[in-house]
Protein backbone atom coordinates (compact mmCIF):
# COMPACT_ATOMS: atom_id res chain seq x y z
CA MET A 1 81.46 72.17 101.13
CA PRO A 2 80.48 74.75 103.74
CA GLY A 3 83.23 76.47 105.70
CA VAL A 4 84.07 75.19 109.14
CA SER A 5 84.83 77.56 111.98
CA VAL A 6 88.14 76.45 113.48
CA PRO A 7 88.70 77.41 117.11
CA ARG A 8 92.12 78.65 118.23
CA ILE A 9 94.07 77.69 121.34
CA SER A 10 96.81 79.84 122.85
CA LYS A 11 100.30 78.55 123.55
CA GLU A 12 99.67 79.16 127.25
CA ASP A 13 96.52 77.04 127.24
CA LEU A 14 98.22 74.23 125.34
CA LYS A 15 101.21 74.28 127.70
CA LYS A 16 98.87 74.20 130.71
CA ARG A 17 96.98 71.20 129.33
CA ILE A 18 100.24 69.37 128.67
CA ASP A 19 101.48 70.14 132.19
CA GLU A 20 98.19 69.01 133.76
CA GLY A 21 98.30 65.68 131.97
CA THR A 22 95.26 66.46 129.81
CA SER A 23 97.38 66.86 126.71
CA PRO A 24 95.53 66.85 123.43
CA THR A 25 96.86 65.02 120.42
CA VAL A 26 99.28 67.51 118.84
CA VAL A 27 99.55 67.53 115.05
CA ASP A 28 102.38 69.11 113.05
CA ALA A 29 100.79 70.38 109.83
CA ARG A 30 103.69 72.46 108.54
CA LEU A 31 104.12 72.54 104.81
CA LYS A 32 106.79 70.27 103.35
CA TYR A 33 109.69 72.75 103.14
CA PRO A 34 109.29 74.32 106.61
CA TYR A 35 108.84 70.87 108.15
CA GLU A 36 111.79 69.26 106.41
CA HIS A 37 114.12 72.17 107.15
CA SER A 38 113.35 72.34 110.85
CA THR A 39 114.99 70.31 113.57
CA VAL A 40 112.31 70.90 116.22
CA ARG A 41 108.70 70.08 116.94
CA ILE A 42 106.29 70.35 119.84
CA PRO A 43 106.80 67.27 122.03
CA GLY A 44 104.80 64.27 120.91
CA ALA A 45 103.57 65.92 117.72
CA ILE A 46 102.30 63.62 114.99
CA ARG A 47 103.06 64.62 111.42
CA PHE A 48 99.97 65.13 109.25
CA ASN A 49 99.48 67.95 106.77
CA GLY A 50 96.28 66.75 105.16
CA ASP A 51 98.00 64.73 102.44
CA GLY A 52 97.91 60.98 102.45
CA PRO A 53 96.13 58.73 104.89
CA MET A 54 95.09 60.23 108.19
CA PRO A 55 96.82 58.72 111.23
CA ALA A 56 94.59 56.94 113.73
CA PHE A 57 94.10 59.83 116.15
CA PRO A 58 92.37 58.94 119.42
CA ARG A 59 88.77 60.14 119.32
CA ASP A 60 88.57 60.69 123.07
CA ARG A 61 91.12 63.52 123.06
CA ASP A 62 91.10 67.01 121.62
CA VAL A 63 93.43 67.65 118.70
CA VAL A 64 95.62 70.76 118.42
CA VAL A 65 97.13 71.44 115.01
CA TYR A 66 100.07 73.77 114.40
CA ASP A 67 102.06 75.00 111.44
CA SER A 68 104.76 77.59 110.73
CA ASP A 69 102.42 80.28 109.41
CA PRO A 70 101.52 83.08 111.85
CA SER A 71 98.07 83.18 110.21
CA GLU A 72 97.56 79.44 110.84
CA LEU A 73 96.53 78.77 107.23
CA ALA A 74 97.77 75.18 106.98
CA SER A 75 96.82 74.26 110.53
CA SER A 76 93.34 75.73 110.09
CA HIS A 77 92.86 73.69 106.94
CA VAL A 78 93.94 70.45 108.63
CA ALA A 79 91.87 71.24 111.74
CA ALA A 80 88.82 71.82 109.51
CA VAL A 81 89.39 68.43 107.86
CA LEU A 82 89.54 66.82 111.31
CA ILE A 83 86.43 68.66 112.52
CA ARG A 84 84.54 67.37 109.47
CA GLN A 85 85.67 63.87 110.48
CA GLY A 86 84.16 64.34 113.94
CA PHE A 87 87.28 65.32 115.92
CA ARG A 88 87.41 68.17 118.44
CA ALA A 89 90.21 70.09 116.71
CA SER A 90 91.69 73.55 117.06
CA ALA A 91 94.63 75.49 115.63
CA LEU A 92 97.51 76.78 117.74
CA LYS A 93 97.48 80.59 117.62
CA GLY A 94 100.68 81.83 115.99
CA GLY A 95 101.90 78.34 115.19
CA ILE A 96 105.26 76.96 116.17
CA ALA A 97 106.87 80.41 115.92
CA GLU A 98 104.84 81.62 118.92
CA TRP A 99 105.63 78.41 120.80
CA LEU A 100 109.36 78.83 120.16
CA SER A 101 109.38 82.55 120.99
CA ALA A 102 107.97 81.73 124.43
CA ASN A 103 110.75 79.16 125.02
CA LEU A 104 108.20 76.41 125.54
CA PRO A 105 109.28 72.75 125.44
CA ILE A 106 110.40 71.27 122.15
CA GLU A 107 111.91 68.03 121.02
CA THR A 108 114.38 67.57 118.23
CA LYS A 109 113.75 65.75 115.01
CA ASP A 110 116.06 64.74 112.21
CA ALA A 111 117.13 67.48 109.87
CA PRO A 112 117.17 66.79 106.17
CA LYS A 113 120.15 64.88 104.96
CA GLN A 114 122.12 66.68 102.32
CA ALA A 115 122.90 64.66 99.24
CA PRO A 116 126.59 64.04 98.66
CA PRO A 117 128.13 66.07 95.84
CA GLU A 118 128.24 64.56 92.39
CA PRO A 119 131.56 62.89 91.58
CA GLY A 120 133.94 65.53 90.29
CA ALA A 121 131.73 68.44 91.39
CA LEU A 122 134.27 69.69 93.93
CA LYS A 123 137.19 69.89 91.52
CA GLY A 124 138.50 73.39 91.08
């Protein structure tokens, strides 16, 4: 399959579009461990990392995909999948780390629940 050129969007441009009411569909494509061990996401983000069925993204809106990798590897992969499906997709430059470092809006999500200790495991 030929490579797809994935455009990038800056955190400033994404924030501006959100503020102006022209918000794209935002997709959280972080890998399993970084996603599950984080308690934050970009507001309104839909979880999709390329595995499993694709959510029904609106086709009349751009899609911005982010991950936790400063090189946007996972988000670029997911954005390429979406582009091949006919979506107008881009990757967020610098991922969620850049978004967080600029103190841009976030929303909280559930953290992983720790399994209770095995019976007798805490005996000294």
